[in-house]
């Protein structure tokens, strides 16, 4: 997951095309959405074991594990949200570019 300031500066780069920026944004959105789904789903999985108490250590471990899992699930084809967004928004992008010409 990109830091918000990294994401903003990346989107402001002139050497990237609008379609590349769209791809990055859609992938980040999918990763964030998957992370939200996993956040509650992972709570019962990461209990006990090496981190037996409810506390900061368990929250940090759960957060890190959820972030890595969300990023991994969003790579490549992901779960399809990114590609669906790119398809829909690229149509709008092409229409906008055609109107500007």
N, C-alpha and C. Protein backbone atom coordinates (compact mmCIF):
# COMPACT_ATOMS: atom_id res chain seq x y z
N UNK A 1 0.84 -1.17 0.00
CA UNK A 1 0.00 0.00 0.00
C UNK A 1 0.88 1.24 0.00
N UNK A 2 0.53 2.17 -0.84
CA UNK A 2 1.30 3.41 -0.94
C UNK A 2 0.90 4.37 0.17
N UNK A 3 1.87 5.09 0.66
CA UNK A 3 1.63 6.18 1.60
C UNK A 3 0.87 7.26 0.84
N UNK A 4 -0.10 7.96 1.46
CA UNK A 4 -0.85 8.99 0.73
C UNK A 4 0.01 10.03 0.04
N UNK A 5 1.10 10.45 0.66
CA UNK A 5 1.97 11.45 0.02
C UNK A 5 2.70 10.85 -1.18
N UNK A 6 3.12 9.57 -1.08
CA UNK A 6 3.76 8.89 -2.21
C UNK A 6 2.77 8.76 -3.37
N UNK A 7 1.55 8.39 -3.04
CA UNK A 7 0.51 8.20 -4.04
C UNK A 7 0.23 9.51 -4.77
N UNK A 8 0.10 10.58 -4.01
CA UNK A 8 -0.18 11.89 -4.60
C UNK A 8 0.96 12.33 -5.50
N UNK A 9 2.21 12.18 -5.04
CA UNK A 9 3.34 12.60 -5.87
C UNK A 9 3.47 11.73 -7.11
N UNK A 10 3.14 10.44 -7.01
CA UNK A 10 3.21 9.55 -8.16
C UNK A 10 2.18 9.97 -9.22
N UNK A 11 1.00 10.33 -8.77
CA UNK A 11 -0.05 10.73 -9.71
C UNK A 11 0.22 12.08 -10.37
N UNK A 12 1.10 12.88 -9.78
CA UNK A 12 1.43 14.18 -10.35
C UNK A 12 2.61 14.12 -11.30
N UNK A 13 3.21 12.96 -11.48
CA UNK A 13 4.35 12.81 -12.38
C UNK A 13 3.90 12.98 -13.82
N UNK A 14 4.67 13.74 -14.57
CA UNK A 14 4.33 14.01 -15.96
C UNK A 14 4.64 12.84 -16.89
N UNK A 15 5.61 12.00 -16.53
CA UNK A 15 6.02 10.92 -17.43
C UNK A 15 5.05 9.73 -17.41
N UNK A 16 4.06 9.76 -16.54
CA UNK A 16 3.08 8.67 -16.49
C UNK A 16 1.84 9.05 -17.28
N UNK A 17 1.33 8.10 -18.06
CA UNK A 17 0.11 8.36 -18.81
C UNK A 17 -1.09 8.27 -17.87
N UNK A 18 -2.21 8.79 -18.33
CA UNK A 18 -3.43 8.73 -17.53
C UNK A 18 -3.85 7.29 -17.28
N UNK A 19 -3.63 6.41 -18.26
CA UNK A 19 -4.01 5.00 -18.07
C UNK A 19 -3.13 4.33 -17.01
N UNK A 20 -1.84 4.70 -16.93
CA UNK A 20 -0.97 4.16 -15.89
C UNK A 20 -1.41 4.66 -14.51
N UNK A 21 -1.78 5.93 -14.44
CA UNK A 21 -2.26 6.49 -13.18
C UNK A 21 -3.56 5.82 -12.76
N UNK A 22 -4.43 5.56 -13.73
CA UNK A 22 -5.68 4.88 -13.45
C UNK A 22 -5.43 3.47 -12.92
N UNK A 23 -4.48 2.77 -13.52
CA UNK A 23 -4.15 1.42 -13.07
C UNK A 23 -3.65 1.41 -11.62
N UNK A 24 -2.77 2.34 -11.30
CA UNK A 24 -2.25 2.44 -9.94
C UNK A 24 -3.37 2.74 -8.95
N UNK A 25 -4.21 3.70 -9.30
CA UNK A 25 -5.30 4.10 -8.42
C UNK A 25 -6.30 2.97 -8.21
N UNK A 26 -6.67 2.28 -9.27
CA UNK A 26 -7.63 1.18 -9.16
C UNK A 26 -7.06 0.03 -8.33
N UNK A 27 -5.78 -0.26 -8.50
CA UNK A 27 -5.14 -1.33 -7.73
C UNK A 27 -5.06 -0.96 -6.26
N UNK A 28 -4.73 0.30 -5.98
CA UNK A 28 -4.69 0.76 -4.58
C UNK A 28 -6.08 0.70 -3.96
N UNK A 29 -7.10 1.07 -4.72
CA UNK A 29 -8.47 1.01 -4.22
C UNK A 29 -8.86 -0.43 -3.90
N UNK A 30 -8.55 -1.35 -4.81
CA UNK A 30 -8.86 -2.76 -4.57
C UNK A 30 -8.14 -3.28 -3.33
N UNK A 31 -6.89 -2.91 -3.19
CA UNK A 31 -6.11 -3.34 -2.02
C UNK A 31 -6.72 -2.80 -0.73
N UNK A 32 -7.15 -1.56 -0.74
CA UNK A 32 -7.78 -0.96 0.44
C UNK A 32 -9.10 -1.64 0.76
N UNK A 33 -9.89 -1.93 -0.26
CA UNK A 33 -11.17 -2.60 -0.06
C UNK A 33 -10.98 -4.02 0.48
N UNK A 34 -10.04 -4.75 -0.08
CA UNK A 34 -9.74 -6.11 0.40
C UNK A 34 -9.25 -6.05 1.84
N UNK A 35 -8.44 -5.05 2.16
CA UNK A 35 -7.95 -4.89 3.52
C UNK A 35 -9.11 -4.70 4.50
N UNK A 36 -10.10 -3.92 4.10
CA UNK A 36 -11.26 -3.71 4.96
C UNK A 36 -12.05 -5.00 5.16
N UNK A 37 -12.19 -5.79 4.11
CA UNK A 37 -12.87 -7.08 4.23
C UNK A 37 -12.12 -8.00 5.19
N UNK A 38 -10.80 -8.01 5.05
CA UNK A 38 -9.98 -8.93 5.85
C UNK A 38 -9.83 -8.50 7.31
N UNK A 39 -9.97 -7.21 7.55
CA UNK A 39 -9.74 -6.68 8.88
C UNK A 39 -10.56 -7.43 9.95
N UNK A 40 -11.85 -7.53 9.73
CA UNK A 40 -12.70 -8.23 10.68
C UNK A 40 -12.62 -9.74 10.52
N UNK A 41 -12.39 -10.19 9.30
CA UNK A 41 -12.32 -11.64 9.06
C UNK A 41 -11.11 -12.27 9.74
N UNK A 42 -10.04 -11.51 9.88
CA UNK A 42 -8.81 -12.06 10.45
C UNK A 42 -8.78 -12.03 11.98
N UNK A 43 -9.67 -11.32 12.62
CA UNK A 43 -9.64 -11.22 14.09
C UNK A 43 -9.67 -12.58 14.78
N UNK A 44 -10.58 -13.48 14.43
CA UNK A 44 -10.58 -14.77 15.12
C UNK A 44 -9.41 -15.68 14.73
N UNK A 45 -8.80 -15.45 13.59
CA UNK A 45 -7.70 -16.30 13.13
C UNK A 45 -6.43 -16.02 13.90
N UNK A 46 -6.17 -14.75 14.17
CA UNK A 46 -4.92 -14.37 14.84
C UNK A 46 -5.20 -14.14 16.31
N UNK A 47 -5.47 -15.19 17.04
CA UNK A 47 -5.63 -15.14 18.48
C UNK A 47 -4.93 -16.34 19.08
N UNK A 48 -4.40 -16.15 20.24
CA UNK A 48 -3.69 -17.25 20.88
C UNK A 48 -2.31 -17.41 20.28
N UNK A 49 -1.72 -18.58 20.46
CA UNK A 49 -0.40 -18.85 19.91
C UNK A 49 0.66 -18.00 20.57
N UNK A 50 1.57 -17.48 19.77
CA UNK A 50 2.69 -16.71 20.29
C UNK A 50 2.24 -15.39 20.89
N UNK A 51 1.15 -14.86 20.39
CA UNK A 51 0.65 -13.58 20.90
C UNK A 51 -0.69 -13.89 21.57
N UNK A 52 -0.64 -14.23 22.85
CA UNK A 52 -1.83 -14.72 23.52
C UNK A 52 -2.69 -13.62 24.13
N UNK A 53 -2.15 -12.47 24.38
CA UNK A 53 -2.92 -11.42 25.01
C UNK A 53 -3.50 -10.48 23.96
N UNK A 54 -4.64 -9.90 24.29
CA UNK A 54 -5.17 -8.83 23.44
C UNK A 54 -4.40 -7.58 23.80
N UNK A 55 -3.75 -7.02 22.83
CA UNK A 55 -2.97 -5.82 23.13
C UNK A 55 -2.33 -5.26 21.89
N UNK A 56 -1.38 -4.40 22.12
CA UNK A 56 -0.72 -3.69 21.04
C UNK A 56 0.02 -4.64 20.11
N UNK A 57 0.74 -5.62 20.67
CA UNK A 57 1.51 -6.55 19.83
C UNK A 57 0.60 -7.32 18.89
N UNK A 58 -0.52 -7.79 19.40
CA UNK A 58 -1.45 -8.54 18.56
C UNK A 58 -2.07 -7.64 17.49
N UNK A 59 -2.39 -6.40 17.84
CA UNK A 59 -2.95 -5.45 16.87
C UNK A 59 -1.94 -5.14 15.76
N UNK A 60 -0.68 -4.97 16.13
CA UNK A 60 0.36 -4.68 15.14
C UNK A 60 0.54 -5.87 14.21
N UNK A 61 0.63 -7.06 14.78
CA UNK A 61 0.81 -8.27 13.97
C UNK A 61 -0.38 -8.48 13.05
N UNK A 62 -1.60 -8.33 13.58
CA UNK A 62 -2.81 -8.49 12.77
C UNK A 62 -2.85 -7.48 11.64
N UNK A 63 -2.49 -6.22 11.94
CA UNK A 63 -2.49 -5.17 10.92
C UNK A 63 -1.48 -5.44 9.81
N UNK A 64 -0.27 -5.85 10.21
CA UNK A 64 0.76 -6.15 9.23
C UNK A 64 0.36 -7.34 8.36
N UNK A 65 -0.12 -8.39 9.00
CA UNK A 65 -0.54 -9.60 8.28
C UNK A 65 -1.68 -9.29 7.31
N UNK A 66 -2.64 -8.50 7.75
CA UNK A 66 -3.77 -8.13 6.90
C UNK A 66 -3.32 -7.28 5.72
N UNK A 67 -2.40 -6.33 5.95
CA UNK A 67 -1.88 -5.49 4.86
C UNK A 67 -1.17 -6.33 3.80
N UNK A 68 -0.31 -7.24 4.23
CA UNK A 68 0.43 -8.07 3.29
C UNK A 68 -0.51 -8.98 2.52
N UNK A 69 -1.48 -9.56 3.21
CA UNK A 69 -2.44 -10.43 2.54
C UNK A 69 -3.29 -9.65 1.53
N UNK A 70 -3.72 -8.46 1.89
CA UNK A 70 -4.52 -7.63 0.97
C UNK A 70 -3.72 -7.24 -0.26
N UNK A 71 -2.46 -6.85 -0.07
CA UNK A 71 -1.62 -6.49 -1.22
C UNK A 71 -1.39 -7.69 -2.13
N UNK A 72 -1.17 -8.85 -1.53
CA UNK A 72 -0.94 -10.07 -2.31
C UNK A 72 -2.19 -10.45 -3.11
N UNK A 73 -3.35 -10.37 -2.48
CA UNK A 73 -4.59 -10.71 -3.17
C UNK A 73 -4.94 -9.71 -4.27
N UNK A 74 -4.44 -8.50 -4.17
CA UNK A 74 -4.74 -7.47 -5.17
C UNK A 74 -3.77 -7.45 -6.34
N UNK A 75 -2.69 -8.21 -6.26
CA UNK A 75 -1.71 -8.24 -7.36
C UNK A 75 -2.26 -9.05 -8.52
N UNK A 76 -1.71 -8.78 -9.70
CA UNK A 76 -2.13 -9.51 -10.89
C UNK A 76 -3.58 -9.20 -11.20
N UNK A 77 -4.37 -10.23 -11.35
CA UNK A 77 -5.80 -10.05 -11.63
C UNK A 77 -6.58 -9.68 -10.38
N UNK A 78 -6.01 -9.97 -9.21
CA UNK A 78 -6.68 -9.63 -7.96
C UNK A 78 -8.01 -10.34 -7.86
N UNK A 79 -8.98 -9.67 -7.29
CA UNK A 79 -10.32 -10.25 -7.19
C UNK A 79 -11.25 -9.65 -8.23
N UNK A 80 -10.72 -8.82 -9.10
CA UNK A 80 -11.48 -8.30 -10.24
C UNK A 80 -11.99 -6.89 -10.10
N UNK A 81 -11.88 -6.31 -8.93
CA UNK A 81 -12.40 -4.96 -8.73
C UNK A 81 -11.57 -3.94 -9.51
N UNK A 82 -10.26 -4.08 -9.45
CA UNK A 82 -9.37 -3.15 -10.14
C UNK A 82 -9.61 -3.16 -11.64
N UNK A 83 -9.71 -4.35 -12.22
CA UNK A 83 -9.91 -4.43 -13.67
C UNK A 83 -11.28 -3.89 -14.07
N UNK A 84 -12.29 -4.12 -13.25
CA UNK A 84 -13.62 -3.58 -13.55
C UNK A 84 -13.62 -2.05 -13.48
N UNK A 85 -12.95 -1.51 -12.47
CA UNK A 85 -12.84 -0.05 -12.36
C UNK A 85 -12.07 0.54 -13.54
N UNK A 86 -10.96 -0.11 -13.89
CA UNK A 86 -10.16 0.38 -15.01
C UNK A 86 -10.96 0.36 -16.31
N UNK A 87 -11.72 -0.68 -16.51
CA UNK A 87 -12.53 -0.79 -17.72
C UNK A 87 -13.57 0.32 -17.79
N UNK A 88 -14.26 0.53 -16.69
CA UNK A 88 -15.31 1.55 -16.65
C UNK A 88 -14.72 2.96 -16.76
N UNK A 89 -13.67 3.21 -16.00
CA UNK A 89 -13.10 4.56 -15.98
C UNK A 89 -12.28 4.87 -17.22
N UNK A 90 -11.70 3.86 -17.86
CA UNK A 90 -10.94 4.13 -19.08
C UNK A 90 -11.87 4.57 -20.20
N UNK A 91 -13.08 4.07 -20.21
CA UNK A 91 -14.08 4.52 -21.18
C UNK A 91 -14.36 6.00 -20.97
N UNK A 92 -14.52 6.39 -19.72
CA UNK A 92 -14.74 7.81 -19.40
C UNK A 92 -13.52 8.64 -19.75
N UNK A 93 -12.34 8.11 -19.52
CA UNK A 93 -11.10 8.80 -19.83
C UNK A 93 -10.95 9.03 -21.33
N UNK A 94 -11.26 7.99 -22.13
CA UNK A 94 -11.18 8.12 -23.59
C UNK A 94 -12.18 9.15 -24.10
N UNK A 95 -13.38 9.16 -23.52
CA UNK A 95 -14.39 10.12 -23.92
C UNK A 95 -13.93 11.54 -23.60
N UNK A 96 -13.32 11.70 -22.43
CA UNK A 96 -12.82 13.01 -22.01
C UNK A 96 -11.70 13.47 -22.94
N UNK A 97 -10.80 12.57 -23.31
CA UNK A 97 -9.69 12.91 -24.22
C UNK A 97 -10.21 13.27 -25.60
N UNK A 98 -11.23 12.55 -26.08
CA UNK A 98 -11.81 12.82 -27.39
C UNK A 98 -12.50 14.19 -27.39
N UNK A 99 -13.21 14.51 -26.31
CA UNK A 99 -13.88 15.81 -26.21
C UNK A 99 -12.91 16.96 -26.15
N UNK A 100 -11.73 16.73 -25.55
CA UNK A 100 -10.72 17.78 -25.42
C UNK A 100 -10.02 18.07 -26.76
N UNK A 101 -10.04 17.11 -27.67
CA UNK A 101 -9.35 17.28 -28.96
C UNK A 101 -10.10 18.16 -29.90
